[in-house]
């Protein structure tokens, strides 16, 4: 039988969710930022958008792994069918994005 706190919350390890509480809102916010940036320049690579400071700060992207954010915005990429696999080229976009460096984990 699980133990309950005074406010009715269950305190078992099975119930704990280690994801941020507003993950759905952050995903929608990241997708909105990415689609807005792609309206201005459709050549921006999803990886560059995922690492941009605007998405890291306004979209709360700093709380998530880079691959998670890239998966969230990959479906919105206007050139997803035309991009070659492999390392993306250096950003030479018409929009100047400040890109945060990769973290050393």
PDB file of N, CA and C in Angstrom:
ATOM      1  N   UNK A   1       0.842  -1.175   0.000  1.00  0.00           N
ATOM      2  CA  UNK A   1       0.000   0.000   0.000  1.00  0.00           C
ATOM      3  C   UNK A   1       0.890   1.243   0.000  1.00  0.00           C
ATOM      4  N   UNK A   2       0.683   2.181  -0.922  1.00  0.00           N
ATOM      5  CA  UNK A   2       1.540   3.367  -0.962  1.00  0.00           C
ATOM      6  C   UNK A   2       1.245   4.320   0.184  1.00  0.00           C
ATOM      7  N   UNK A   3       2.275   5.046   0.580  1.00  0.00           N
ATOM      8  CA  UNK A   3       2.121   6.048   1.635  1.00  0.00           C
ATOM      9  C   UNK A   3       1.645   7.352   1.012  1.00  0.00           C
ATOM     10  N   UNK A   4       0.830   8.078   1.739  1.00  0.00           N
ATOM     11  CA  UNK A   4       0.300   9.350   1.256  1.00  0.00           C
ATOM     12  C   UNK A   4       0.805  10.497   2.116  1.00  0.00           C
ATOM     13  N   UNK A   5       1.069  11.611   1.476  1.00  0.00           N
ATOM     14  CA  UNK A   5       1.393  12.838   2.190  1.00  0.00           C
ATOM     15  C   UNK A   5       0.088  13.484   2.649  1.00  0.00           C
ATOM     16  N   UNK A   6       0.133  14.476   3.538  1.00  0.00           N
ATOM     17  CA  UNK A   6      -1.106  15.121   4.007  1.00  0.00           C
ATOM     18  C   UNK A   6      -1.954  15.720   2.887  1.00  0.00           C
ATOM     19  N   UNK A   7      -1.334  16.163   1.809  1.00  0.00           N
ATOM     20  CA  UNK A   7      -2.122  16.760   0.726  1.00  0.00           C
ATOM     21  C   UNK A   7      -2.595  15.727  -0.295  1.00  0.00           C
ATOM     22  N   UNK A   8      -2.383  14.454  -0.039  1.00  0.00           N
ATOM     23  CA  UNK A   8      -2.900  13.410  -0.903  1.00  0.00           C
ATOM     24  C   UNK A   8      -1.924  12.893  -1.945  1.00  0.00           C
ATOM     25  N   UNK A   9      -0.705  13.420  -1.989  1.00  0.00           N
ATOM     26  CA  UNK A   9       0.268  12.947  -2.963  1.00  0.00           C
ATOM     27  C   UNK A   9       0.861  11.619  -2.511  1.00  0.00           C
ATOM     28  N   UNK A  10       1.107  10.753  -3.466  1.00  0.00           N
ATOM     29  CA  UNK A  10       1.711   9.457  -3.168  1.00  0.00           C
ATOM     30  C   UNK A  10       3.230   9.621  -3.165  1.00  0.00           C
ATOM     31  N   UNK A  11       3.913   8.989  -2.211  1.00  0.00           N
ATOM     32  CA  UNK A  11       5.368   9.101  -2.135  1.00  0.00           C
ATOM     33  C   UNK A  11       6.014   7.736  -2.370  1.00  0.00           C
ATOM     34  N   UNK A  12       5.933   7.214  -3.551  1.00  0.00           N
ATOM     35  CA  UNK A  12       6.636   5.995  -3.907  1.00  0.00           C
ATOM     36  C   UNK A  12       7.551   6.300  -5.076  1.00  0.00           C
ATOM     37  N   UNK A  13       8.590   5.491  -5.249  1.00  0.00           N
ATOM     38  CA  UNK A  13       9.528   5.727  -6.343  1.00  0.00           C
ATOM     39  C   UNK A  13       8.870   5.499  -7.700  1.00  0.00           C
ATOM     40  N   UNK A  14       7.872   4.640  -7.765  1.00  0.00           N
ATOM     41  CA  UNK A  14       7.218   4.348  -9.035  1.00  0.00           C
ATOM     42  C   UNK A  14       6.452   5.556  -9.572  1.00  0.00           C
ATOM     43  N   UNK A  15       5.991   6.415  -8.687  1.00  0.00           N
ATOM     44  CA  UNK A  15       5.164   7.540  -9.094  1.00  0.00           C
ATOM     45  C   UNK A  15       6.014   8.740  -9.491  1.00  0.00           C
ATOM     46  N   UNK A  16       7.244   8.815  -9.007  1.00  0.00           N
ATOM     47  CA  UNK A  16       8.082   9.972  -9.302  1.00  0.00           C
ATOM     48  C   UNK A  16       8.323  10.081 -10.803  1.00  0.00           C
ATOM     49  N   UNK A  17       8.146  11.278 -11.304  1.00  0.00           N
ATOM     50  CA  UNK A  17       8.400  11.551 -12.712  1.00  0.00           C
ATOM     51  C   UNK A  17       9.603  12.480 -12.771  1.00  0.00           C
ATOM     52  N   UNK A  18      10.660  12.040 -13.425  1.00  0.00           N
ATOM     53  CA  UNK A  18      11.890  12.810 -13.443  1.00  0.00           C
ATOM     54  C   UNK A  18      11.951  13.809 -14.596  1.00  0.00           C
ATOM     55  N   UNK A  19      10.859  14.013 -15.308  1.00  0.00           N
ATOM     56  CA  UNK A  19      10.807  14.994 -16.390  1.00  0.00           C
ATOM     57  C   UNK A  19      10.351  16.337 -15.831  1.00  0.00           C
ATOM     58  N   UNK A  20      10.722  17.421 -16.509  1.00  0.00           N
ATOM     59  CA  UNK A  20      10.202  18.726 -16.069  1.00  0.00           C
ATOM     60  C   UNK A  20       8.681  18.753 -16.135  1.00  0.00           C
ATOM     61  N   UNK A  21       8.073  19.478 -15.222  1.00  0.00           N
ATOM     62  CA  UNK A  21       6.617  19.485 -15.105  1.00  0.00           C
ATOM     63  C   UNK A  21       5.928  20.070 -16.330  1.00  0.00           C
ATOM     64  N   UNK A  22       6.543  21.034 -16.972  1.00  0.00           N
ATOM     65  CA  UNK A  22       5.903  21.686 -18.110  1.00  0.00           C
ATOM     66  C   UNK A  22       6.597  21.323 -19.421  1.00  0.00           C
ATOM     67  N   UNK A  23       6.897  20.062 -19.614  1.00  0.00           N
ATOM     68  CA  UNK A  23       7.593  19.598 -20.816  1.00  0.00           C
ATOM     69  C   UNK A  23       6.769  19.849 -22.076  1.00  0.00           C
ATOM     70  N   UNK A  24       5.465  19.657 -22.007  1.00  0.00           N
ATOM     71  CA  UNK A  24       4.613  19.857 -23.181  1.00  0.00           C
ATOM     72  C   UNK A  24       4.614  21.326 -23.586  1.00  0.00           C
ATOM     73  N   UNK A  25       4.547  22.222 -22.608  1.00  0.00           N
ATOM     74  CA  UNK A  25       4.596  23.652 -22.912  1.00  0.00           C
ATOM     75  C   UNK A  25       5.939  24.034 -23.525  1.00  0.00           C
ATOM     76  N   UNK A  26       7.025  23.472 -22.999  1.00  0.00           N
ATOM     77  CA  UNK A  26       8.351  23.764 -23.544  1.00  0.00           C
ATOM     78  C   UNK A  26       8.479  23.250 -24.973  1.00  0.00           C
ATOM     79  N   UNK A  27       7.922  22.064 -25.249  1.00  0.00           N
ATOM     80  CA  UNK A  27       7.978  21.509 -26.602  1.00  0.00           C
ATOM     81  C   UNK A  27       7.221  22.403 -27.577  1.00  0.00           C
ATOM     82  N   UNK A  28       6.037  22.851 -27.186  1.00  0.00           N
ATOM     83  CA  UNK A  28       5.241  23.726 -28.053  1.00  0.00           C
ATOM     84  C   UNK A  28       5.955  25.056 -28.256  1.00  0.00           C
ATOM     85  N   UNK A  29       6.560  25.578 -27.201  1.00  0.00           N
ATOM     86  CA  UNK A  29       7.290  26.841 -27.299  1.00  0.00           C
ATOM     87  C   UNK A  29       8.497  26.694 -28.237  1.00  0.00           C
ATOM     88  N   UNK A  30       9.237  25.590 -28.124  1.00  0.00           N
ATOM     89  CA  UNK A  30      10.389  25.353 -29.001  1.00  0.00           C
ATOM     90  C   UNK A  30       9.945  25.205 -30.453  1.00  0.00           C
ATOM     91  N   UNK A  31       8.839  24.507 -30.679  1.00  0.00           N
ATOM     92  CA  UNK A  31       8.338  24.346 -32.043  1.00  0.00           C
ATOM     93  C   UNK A  31       7.889  25.676 -32.628  1.00  0.00           C
ATOM     94  N   UNK A  32       7.290  26.534 -31.818  1.00  0.00           N
ATOM     95  CA  UNK A  32       6.854  27.844 -32.306  1.00  0.00           C
ATOM     96  C   UNK A  32       8.053  28.713 -32.678  1.00  0.00           C
ATOM     97  N   UNK A  33       9.098  28.687 -31.860  1.00  0.00           N
ATOM     98  CA  UNK A  33      10.303  29.463 -32.161  1.00  0.00           C
ATOM     99  C   UNK A  33      10.959  28.943 -33.431  1.00  0.00           C
ATOM    100  N   UNK A  34      11.059  27.615 -33.562  1.00  0.00           N
ATOM    101  CA  UNK A  34      11.695  27.031 -34.745  1.00  0.00           C
ATOM    102  C   UNK A  34      10.913  27.352 -36.013  1.00  0.00           C
ATOM    103  N   UNK A  35       9.595  27.251 -35.967  1.00  0.00           N
ATOM    104  CA  UNK A  35       8.811  27.536 -37.173  1.00  0.00           C
ATOM    105  C   UNK A  35       8.905  29.006 -37.556  1.00  0.00           C
ATOM    106  N   UNK A  36       9.001  29.900 -36.560  1.00  0.00           N
ATOM    107  CA  UNK A  36       9.168  31.325 -36.853  1.00  0.00           C
ATOM    108  C   UNK A  36      10.517  31.587 -37.509  1.00  0.00           C
ATOM    109  N   UNK A  37      11.570  30.956 -36.999  1.00  0.00           N
ATOM    110  CA  UNK A  37      12.891  31.135 -37.604  1.00  0.00           C
ATOM    111  C   UNK A  37      12.935  30.561 -39.016  1.00  0.00           C
ATOM    112  N   UNK A  38      12.259  29.437 -39.238  1.00  0.00           N
ATOM    113  CA  UNK A  38      12.242  28.841 -40.578  1.00  0.00           C
ATOM    114  C   UNK A  38      11.404  29.655 -41.561  1.00  0.00           C
ATOM    115  N   UNK A  39      10.468  30.457 -41.075  1.00  0.00           N
ATOM    116  CA  UNK A  39       9.731  31.347 -41.975  1.00  0.00           C
ATOM    117  C   UNK A  39      10.661  32.398 -42.566  1.00  0.00           C
ATOM    118  N   UNK A  40      11.623  32.858 -41.766  1.00  0.00           N
ATOM    119  CA  UNK A  40      12.569  33.866 -42.241  1.00  0.00           C
ATOM    120  C   UNK A  40      13.676  33.263 -43.092  1.00  0.00           C
ATOM    121  N   UNK A  41      14.144  32.083 -42.717  1.00  0.00           N
ATOM    122  CA  UNK A  41      15.226  31.432 -43.457  1.00  0.00           C
ATOM    123  C   UNK A  41      15.037  29.924 -43.364  1.00  0.00           C
ATOM    124  N   UNK A  42      14.658  29.312 -44.462  1.00  0.00           N
ATOM    125  CA  UNK A  42      14.370  27.872 -44.451  1.00  0.00           C
ATOM    126  C   UNK A  42      15.631  27.016 -44.529  1.00  0.00           C
ATOM    127  N   UNK A  43      16.808  27.635 -44.679  1.00  0.00           N
ATOM    128  CA  UNK A  43      18.054  26.877 -44.786  1.00  0.00           C
ATOM    129  C   UNK A  43      18.710  26.586 -43.440  1.00  0.00           C
ATOM    130  N   UNK A  44      18.166  27.106 -42.357  1.00  0.00           N
ATOM    131  CA  UNK A  44      18.770  26.878 -41.040  1.00  0.00           C
ATOM    132  C   UNK A  44      18.610  25.407 -40.665  1.00  0.00           C
ATOM    133  N   UNK A  45      19.691  24.811 -40.228  1.00  0.00           N
ATOM    134  CA  UNK A  45      19.671  23.399 -39.845  1.00  0.00           C
ATOM    135  C   UNK A  45      19.009  23.250 -38.467  1.00  0.00           C
ATOM    136  N   UNK A  46      18.242  22.181 -38.244  1.00  0.00           N
ATOM    137  CA  UNK A  46      17.585  21.978 -36.943  1.00  0.00           C
ATOM    138  C   UNK A  46      18.561  21.949 -35.766  1.00  0.00           C
ATOM    139  N   UNK A  47      19.756  21.425 -35.998  1.00  0.00           N
ATOM    140  CA  UNK A  47      20.752  21.379 -34.931  1.00  0.00           C
ATOM    141  C   UNK A  47      21.187  22.785 -34.526  1.00  0.00           C
ATOM    142  N   UNK A  48      21.286  23.688 -35.495  1.00  0.00           N
ATOM    143  CA  UNK A  48      21.674  25.064 -35.181  1.00  0.00           C
ATOM    144  C   UNK A  48      20.561  25.777 -34.422  1.00  0.00           C
ATOM    145  N   UNK A  49      19.325  25.509 -34.790  1.00  0.00           N
ATOM    146  CA  UNK A  49      18.207  26.114 -34.063  1.00  0.00           C
ATOM    147  C   UNK A  49      18.153  25.572 -32.636  1.00  0.00           C
ATOM    148  N   UNK A  50      18.382  24.276 -32.479  1.00  0.00           N
ATOM    149  CA  UNK A  50      18.332  23.665 -31.148  1.00  0.00           C
ATOM    150  C   UNK A  50      19.417  24.227 -30.233  1.00  0.00           C
ATOM    151  N   UNK A  51      20.549  24.630 -30.797  1.00  0.00           N
ATOM    152  CA  UNK A  51      21.646  25.174 -30.002  1.00  0.00           C
ATOM    153  C   UNK A  51      21.591  26.690 -29.876  1.00  0.00           C
ATOM    154  N   UNK A  52      20.630  27.348 -30.515  1.00  0.00           N
ATOM    155  CA  UNK A  52      20.574  28.810 -30.492  1.00  0.00           C
ATOM    156  C   UNK A  52      20.185  29.316 -29.103  1.00  0.00           C
ATOM    157  N   UNK A  53      20.656  30.509 -28.776  1.00  0.00           N
ATOM    158  CA  UNK A  53      20.378  31.072 -27.448  1.00  0.00           C
ATOM    159  C   UNK A  53      18.908  31.410 -27.278  1.00  0.00           C
ATOM    160  N   UNK A  54      18.246  31.799 -28.352  1.00  0.00           N
ATOM    161  CA  UNK A  54      16.823  32.140 -28.243  1.00  0.00           C
ATOM    162  C   UNK A  54      16.011  30.918 -27.823  1.00  0.00           C
ATOM    163  N   UNK A  55      16.343  29.769 -28.368  1.00  0.00           N
ATOM    164  CA  UNK A  55      15.608  28.558 -28.002  1.00  0.00           C
ATOM    165  C   UNK A  55      16.039  28.052 -26.626  1.00  0.00           C
ATOM    166  N   UNK A  56      17.302  28.238 -26.292  1.00  0.00           N
ATOM    167  CA  UNK A  56      17.793  27.797 -24.987  1.00  0.00           C
ATOM    168  C   UNK A  56      17.182  28.615 -23.851  1.00  0.00           C
ATOM    169  N   UNK A  57      16.982  29.912 -24.080  1.00  0.00           N
ATOM    170  CA  UNK A  57      16.479  30.774 -23.003  1.00  0.00           C
ATOM    171  C   UNK A  57      14.963  30.892 -23.006  1.00  0.00           C
ATOM    172  N   UNK A  58      14.383  31.263 -24.137  1.00  0.00           N
ATOM    173  CA  UNK A  58      12.939  31.492 -24.190  1.00  0.00           C
ATOM    174  C   UNK A  58      12.177  30.174 -24.242  1.00  0.00           C
ATOM    175  N   UNK A  59      12.708  29.198 -24.954  1.00  0.00           N
ATOM    176  CA  UNK A  59      12.036  27.911 -25.065  1.00  0.00           C
ATOM    177  C   UNK A  59      12.401  26.927 -23.973  1.00  0.00           C
ATOM    178  N   UNK A  60      13.185  27.361 -22.977  1.00  0.00           N
ATOM    179  CA  UNK A  60      13.651  26.489 -21.889  1.00  0.00           C
ATOM    180  C   UNK A  60      14.416  25.278 -22.413  1.00  0.00           C
ATOM    181  N   UNK A  61      15.130  25.443 -23.504  1.00  0.00           N
ATOM    182  CA  UNK A  61      15.878  24.339 -24.086  1.00  0.00           C
ATOM    183  C   UNK A  61      17.071  23.907 -23.267  1.00  0.00           C
ATOM    184  N   UNK A  62      17.511  24.748 -22.343  1.00  0.00           N
ATOM    185  CA  UNK A  62      18.665  24.397 -21.521  1.00  0.00           C
ATOM    186  C   UNK A  62      18.353  23.239 -20.570  1.00  0.00           C
ATOM    187  N   UNK A  63      17.084  22.978 -20.311  1.00  0.00           N
ATOM    188  CA  UNK A  63      16.705  21.891 -19.404  1.00  0.00           C
ATOM    189  C   UNK A  63      16.725  20.529 -20.082  1.00  0.00           C
ATOM    190  N   UNK A  64      16.829  20.510 -21.408  1.00  0.00           N
ATOM    191  CA  UNK A  64      16.697  19.264 -22.154  1.00  0.00           C
ATOM    192  C   UNK A  64      17.970  18.971 -22.931  1.00  0.00           C
ATOM    193  N   UNK A  65      18.119  17.726 -23.319  1.00  0.00           N
ATOM    194  CA  UNK A  65      19.244  17.308 -24.140  1.00  0.00           C
ATOM    195  C   UNK A  65      19.061  17.844 -25.560  1.00  0.00           C
ATOM    196  N   UNK A  66      20.161  18.078 -26.242  1.00  0.00           N
ATOM    197  CA  UNK A  66      20.117  18.618 -27.600  1.00  0.00           C
ATOM    198  C   UNK A  66      19.346  17.694 -28.549  1.00  0.00           C
ATOM    199  N   UNK A  67      19.498  16.390 -28.383  1.00  0.00           N
ATOM    200  CA  UNK A  67      18.791  15.447 -29.256  1.00  0.00           C
ATOM    201  C   UNK A  67      17.277  15.501 -29.032  1.00  0.00           C
ATOM    202  N   UNK A  68      16.845  15.772 -27.812  1.00  0.00           N
ATOM    203  CA  UNK A  68      15.414  15.890 -27.521  1.00  0.00           C
ATOM    204  C   UNK A  68      14.817  17.077 -28.256  1.00  0.00           C
ATOM    205  N   UNK A  69      15.485  18.214 -28.189  1.00  0.00           N
ATOM    206  CA  UNK A  69      14.982  19.413 -28.862  1.00  0.00           C
ATOM    207  C   UNK A  69      14.988  19.217 -30.372  1.00  0.00           C
ATOM    208  N   UNK A  70      16.038  18.592 -30.890  1.00  0.00           N
ATOM    209  CA  UNK A  70      16.113  18.342 -32.329  1.00  0.00           C
ATOM    210  C   UNK A  70      14.972  17.439 -32.784  1.00  0.00           C
ATOM    211  N   UNK A  71      14.620  16.437 -31.982  1.00  0.00           N
ATOM    212  CA  UNK A  71      13.482  15.572 -32.324  1.00  0.00           C
ATOM    213  C   UNK A  71      12.175  16.348 -32.313  1.00  0.00           C
ATOM    214  N   UNK A  72      12.025  17.266 -31.354  1.00  0.00           N
ATOM    215  CA  UNK A  72      10.799  18.059 -31.269  1.00  0.00           C
ATOM    216  C   UNK A  72      10.595  18.913 -32.507  1.00  0.00           C
ATOM    217  N   UNK A  73      11.668  19.506 -33.031  1.00  0.00           N
ATOM    218  CA  UNK A  73      11.514  20.465 -34.125  1.00  0.00           C
ATOM    219  C   UNK A  73      11.776  19.858 -35.494  1.00  0.00           C
ATOM    220  N   UNK A  74      12.234  18.613 -35.566  1.00  0.00           N
ATOM    221  CA  UNK A  74      12.598  18.009 -36.849  1.00  0.00           C
ATOM    222  C   UNK A  74      11.401  17.871 -37.789  1.00  0.00           C
ATOM    223  N   UNK A  75      10.218  17.625 -37.261  1.00  0.00           N
ATOM    224  CA  UNK A  75       9.041  17.463 -38.119  1.00  0.00           C
ATOM    225  C   UNK A  75       8.635  18.764 -38.793  1.00  0.00           C
ATOM    226  N   UNK A  76       9.003  19.891 -38.211  1.00  0.00           N
ATOM    227  CA  UNK A  76       8.629  21.185 -38.767  1.00  0.00           C
ATOM    228  C   UNK A  76       9.618  21.689 -39.811  1.00  0.00           C
ATOM    229  N   UNK A  77      10.749  21.014 -39.960  1.00  0.00           N
ATOM    230  CA  UNK A  77      11.803  21.450 -40.878  1.00  0.00           C
ATOM    231  C   UNK A  77      11.286  21.456 -42.315  1.00  0.00           C
ATOM    232  N   UNK A  78      11.305  22.622 -42.985  1.00  0.00           N
ATOM    233  CA  UNK A  78      10.791  22.673 -44.355  1.00  0.00           C
ATOM    234  C   UNK A  78      11.652  21.899 -45.353  1.00  0.00           C
ATOM    235  N   UNK A  79      12.905  21.616 -45.009  1.00  0.00           N
ATOM    236  CA  UNK A  79      13.784  20.901 -45.934  1.00  0.00           C
ATOM    237  C   UNK A  79      14.180  19.527 -45.404  1.00  0.00           C
ATOM    238  N   UNK A  80      13.346  18.927 -44.573  1.00  0.00           N
ATOM    239  CA  UNK A  80      13.723  17.645 -43.970  1.00  0.00           C
ATOM    240  C   UNK A  80      13.887  16.534 -45.001  1.00  0.00           C
ATOM    241  N   UNK A  81      13.183  16.622 -46.129  1.00  0.00           N
ATOM    242  CA  UNK A  81      13.305  15.585 -47.152  1.00  0.00           C
ATOM    243  C   UNK A  81      14.515  15.796 -48.053  1.00  0.00           C
ATOM    244  N   UNK A  82      15.111  16.995 -48.001  1.00  0.00           N
ATOM    245  CA  UNK A  82      16.196  17.323 -48.920  1.00  0.00           C
ATOM    246  C   UNK A  82      17.560  17.390 -48.250  1.00  0.00           C
ATOM    247  N   UNK A  83      17.612  17.326 -46.951  1.00  0.00           N
ATOM    248  CA  UNK A  83      18.893  17.420 -46.246  1.00  0.00           C
ATOM    249  C   UNK A  83      19.656  16.109 -46.351  1.00  0.00           C
ATOM    250  N   UNK A  84      20.974  16.228 -46.501  1.00  0.00           N
ATOM    251  CA  UNK A  84      21.831  15.050 -46.552  1.00  0.00           C
ATOM    252  C   UNK A  84      22.145  14.598 -45.124  1.00  0.00           C
ATOM    253  N   UNK A  85      22.330  13.296 -44.917  1.00  0.00           N
ATOM    254  CA  UNK A  85      22.702  12.837 -43.579  1.00  0.00           C
ATOM    255  C   UNK A  85      24.147  13.230 -43.264  1.00  0.00           C
ATOM    256  N   UNK A  86      24.451  13.307 -41.999  1.00  0.00           N
ATOM    257  CA  UNK A  86      25.815  13.628 -41.592  1.00  0.00           C
ATOM    258  C   UNK A  86      25.893  14.956 -40.874  1.00  0.00           C
ATOM    259  N   UNK A  87      27.104  15.401 -40.726  1.00  0.00           N
ATOM    260  CA  UNK A  87      27.355  16.639 -39.991  1.00  0.00           C
ATOM    261  C   UNK A  87      26.797  17.833 -40.754  1.00  0.00           C
ATOM    262  N   UNK A  88      26.094  18.728 -40.059  1.00  0.00           N
ATOM    263  CA  UNK A  88      25.552  19.900 -40.755  1.00  0.00           C
ATOM    264  C   UNK A  88      26.671  20.872 -41.114  1.00  0.00           C
ATOM    265  N   UNK A  89      26.497  21.619 -42.199  1.00  0.00           N
ATOM    266  CA  UNK A  89      27.527  22.602 -42.562  1.00  0.00           C
ATOM    267  C   UNK A  89      27.572  23.732 -41.539  1.00  0.00           C
ATOM    268  N   UNK A  90      28.662  24.492 -41.578  1.00  0.00           N
ATOM    269  CA  UNK A  90      28.763  25.640 -40.673  1.00  0.00           C
ATOM    270  C   UNK A  90      27.638  26.608 -40.985  1.00  0.00           C
ATOM    271  N   UNK A  91      27.079  27.230 -39.950  1.00  0.00           N
ATOM    272  CA  UNK A  91      25.922  28.107 -40.188  1.00  0.00           C
ATOM    273  C   UNK A  91      26.294  29.350 -40.988  1.00  0.00           C
ATOM    274  N   UNK A  92      25.742  29.455 -42.174  1.00  0.00           N
ATOM    275  CA  UNK A  92      25.872  30.647 -43.001  1.00  0.00           C
ATOM    276  C   UNK A  92      24.462  31.099 -43.344  1.00  0.00           C
ATOM    277  N   UNK A  93      23.700  31.414 -42.313  1.00  0.00           N
ATOM    278  CA  UNK A  93      22.296  31.737 -42.478  1.00  0.00           C
ATOM    279  C   UNK A  93      22.108  33.242 -42.581  1.00  0.00           C
ATOM    280  N   UNK A  94      20.978  33.642 -43.130  1.00  0.00           N
ATOM    281  CA  UNK A  94      20.681  35.066 -43.216  1.00  0.00           C
ATOM    282  C   UNK A  94      20.299  35.634 -41.854  1.00  0.00           C
ATOM    283  N   UNK A  95      19.832  34.772 -40.948  1.00  0.00           N
ATOM    284  CA  UNK A  95      19.549  35.187 -39.574  1.00  0.00           C
ATOM    285  C   UNK A  95      20.783  34.854 -38.744  1.00  0.00           C
ATOM    286  N   UNK A  96      21.298  35.823 -38.039  1.00  0.00           N
ATOM    287  CA  UNK A  96      22.481  35.606 -37.213  1.00  0.00           C
ATOM    288  C   UNK A  96      22.054  35.026 -35.871  1.00  0.00           C
ATOM    289  N   UNK A  97      22.275  33.728 -35.681  1.00  0.00           N
ATOM    290  CA  UNK A  97      21.929  33.059 -34.431  1.00  0.00           C
ATOM    291  C   UNK A  97      23.162  32.969 -33.550  1.00  0.00           C
ATOM    292  N   UNK A  98      23.013  33.303 -32.287  1.00  0.00           N
ATOM    293  CA  UNK A  98      24.088  33.050 -31.338  1.00  0.00           C
ATOM    294  C   UNK A  98      23.931  31.611 -30.888  1.00  0.00           C
ATOM    295  N   UNK A  99      24.948  30.800 -31.141  1.00  0.00           N
ATOM    296  CA  UNK A  99      24.867  29.380 -30.828  1.00  0.00           C
ATOM    297  C   UNK A  99      25.666  29.103 -29.568  1.00  0.00           C
ATOM    298  N   UNK A 100      25.036  28.414 -28.633  1.00  0.00           N
ATOM    299  CA  UNK A 100      25.721  28.049 -27.400  1.00  0.00           C
ATOM    300  C   UNK A 100      26.646  26.877 -27.690  1.00  0.00           C
ATOM    301  N   UNK A 101      27.821  26.855 -27.084  1.00  0.00           N
ATOM    302  CA  UNK A 101      28.735  25.734 -27.321  1.00  0.00           C
ATOM    303  C   UNK A 101      28.188  24.459 -26.703  1.00  0.00           C
ATOM    304  N   UNK A 102      28.601  23.331 -27.271  1.00  0.00           N
ATOM    305  CA  UNK A 102      28.172  22.047 -26.726  1.00  0.00           C
ATOM    306  C   UNK A 102      28.756  21.866 -25.334  1.00  0.00           C
ATOM    307  N   UNK A 103      27.962  21.313 -24.444  1.00  0.00           N
ATOM    308  CA  UNK A 103      28.447  21.071 -23.087  1.00  0.00           C
ATOM    309  C   UNK A 103      29.261  19.788 -23.069  1.00  0.00           C
ATOM    310  N   UNK A 104      30.265  19.768 -22.249  1.00  0.00           N
ATOM    311  CA  UNK A 104      31.123  18.587 -22.109  1.00  0.00           C
ATOM    312  C   UNK A 104      30.538  17.695 -21.037  1.00  0.00           C
ATOM    313  N   UNK A 105      29.908  16.587 -21.431  1.00  0.00           N
ATOM    314  CA  UNK A 105      29.302  15.666 -20.459  1.00  0.00           C
ATOM    315  C   UNK A 105      30.063  14.379 -20.423  1.00  0.00           C
TER     316      UNK A 105
END
